[in-house]
Protein backbone atom coordinates (compact mmCIF):
# COMPACT_ATOMS: atom_id res chain seq x y z
CA MET A 1 -31.28 -65.78 0.44
CA GLY A 2 -34.40 -65.32 -1.49
CA LYS A 3 -35.40 -61.97 -3.54
CA ILE A 4 -38.25 -59.96 -4.12
CA LYS A 5 -39.37 -58.53 -7.40
CA LEU A 6 -40.49 -54.92 -7.03
CA ASP A 7 -42.36 -53.27 -9.43
CA ALA A 8 -40.96 -50.01 -11.09
CA ALA A 9 -42.69 -47.53 -9.30
CA THR A 10 -41.77 -49.16 -5.77
CA ALA A 11 -38.32 -49.66 -7.02
CA GLU A 12 -37.78 -45.75 -8.00
CA THR A 13 -39.49 -45.02 -4.67
CA LEU A 14 -36.45 -47.15 -2.89
CA LYS A 15 -33.87 -46.00 -4.58
CA ALA A 16 -34.74 -42.55 -3.28
CA ALA A 17 -34.94 -43.10 -0.09
CA GLU A 18 -32.49 -42.49 2.99
CA PRO A 19 -30.40 -45.57 4.06
CA GLY A 20 -32.43 -46.65 7.31
CA THR A 21 -35.71 -45.80 6.06
CA GLU A 22 -38.32 -48.03 7.38
CA LEU A 23 -40.23 -50.40 5.09
CA VAL A 24 -44.10 -51.04 6.13
CA GLY A 25 -46.74 -53.16 5.12
CA PRO A 26 -50.35 -52.02 3.94
CA ASP A 27 -51.35 -52.32 7.61
CA GLY A 28 -48.25 -49.84 8.73
CA GLN A 29 -46.40 -52.80 10.65
CA PRO A 30 -42.60 -52.45 9.92
CA VAL A 31 -41.25 -55.35 7.40
CA GLY A 32 -37.58 -53.94 7.26
CA ALA A 33 -35.27 -51.48 6.53
CA LEU A 34 -33.67 -49.78 3.79
CA VAL A 35 -29.78 -51.02 3.64
CA PRO A 36 -27.63 -49.65 1.10
CA PRO A 37 -25.82 -52.37 -1.22
CA ALA A 38 -22.50 -50.88 -0.01
CA VAL A 39 -23.53 -51.65 3.65
CA TYR A 40 -25.10 -55.33 2.89
CA ARG A 41 -22.03 -56.45 0.85
CA TYR A 42 -19.73 -54.90 3.82
CA LEU A 43 -22.13 -57.41 6.51
CA GLN A 44 -22.22 -60.28 4.03
CA GLN A 45 -18.07 -60.48 4.20
CA PHE A 46 -18.30 -59.60 7.64
CA LEU A 47 -20.43 -62.22 8.75
CA GLU A 48 -18.68 -64.83 6.48
CA GLU A 49 -15.31 -63.78 7.99
CA ARG A 50 -16.66 -64.43 11.56
CA LYS A 51 -18.13 -67.54 10.08
CA GLN A 52 -14.55 -68.98 8.86
CA LEU A 53 -13.01 -67.46 12.41
CA LEU A 54 -15.27 -69.60 14.49
CA GLU A 55 -15.00 -72.67 12.26
CA ALA A 56 -11.22 -72.37 12.84
CA GLU A 57 -11.33 -71.84 16.29
CA LYS A 58 -14.07 -74.17 16.99
CA ASP A 59 -12.11 -76.24 19.38
CA ALA A 60 -9.95 -73.86 21.14
CA ILE A 61 -12.10 -73.78 24.02
CA SER A 62 -14.83 -76.17 25.45
CA VAL A 63 -18.31 -75.58 26.13
CA GLU A 64 -17.33 -76.59 29.91
CA GLU A 65 -14.51 -73.86 29.68
CA LEU A 66 -17.57 -70.74 28.04
CA ARG A 67 -19.62 -71.79 30.93
CA ALA A 68 -17.31 -71.61 33.57
CA ILE A 69 -16.28 -67.90 32.05
CA ASP A 70 -19.69 -66.91 32.14
CA ALA A 71 -20.16 -68.40 35.90
CA ALA A 72 -17.37 -66.13 37.08
CA GLY A 73 -18.65 -62.83 35.43
CA GLY A 74 -18.24 -63.95 31.52
CA GLU A 75 -14.89 -62.20 31.27
CA ILE A 76 -11.37 -63.58 30.67
CA PRO A 77 -8.42 -61.69 32.63
CA HIS A 78 -5.91 -60.11 30.94
CA ASP A 79 -2.93 -62.89 32.03
CA GLU A 80 -5.47 -65.89 30.25
CA VAL A 81 -5.96 -64.21 27.36
CA VAL A 82 -1.85 -63.34 27.02
CA ARG A 83 -1.46 -67.05 27.64
CA ARG A 84 -4.24 -68.53 25.42
CA LEU A 85 -2.65 -66.42 22.49
CA GLY A 86 0.51 -67.80 23.29
CA LEU A 87 2.01 -64.53 23.66
CA SER A 88 3.28 -65.14 27.20
């Protein structure tokens, strides 16, 4: 991920801003939102853990099975979930 170096005045303005403050360009169009560092770190960790889980389970279900589930309404019945988790 890239970095944008701010001038001192802009950095101080952002430090004083409320979380969720919308950032806009000179034309008034949104360019982003202020996310506190702790929330950003949490999201990074969450996404990395999700990526690892998906990688570990990528062969657990085929694309064809996912399409069939989607065609049937997008839900897996409870008994099927229990069976796939090996709890039955």
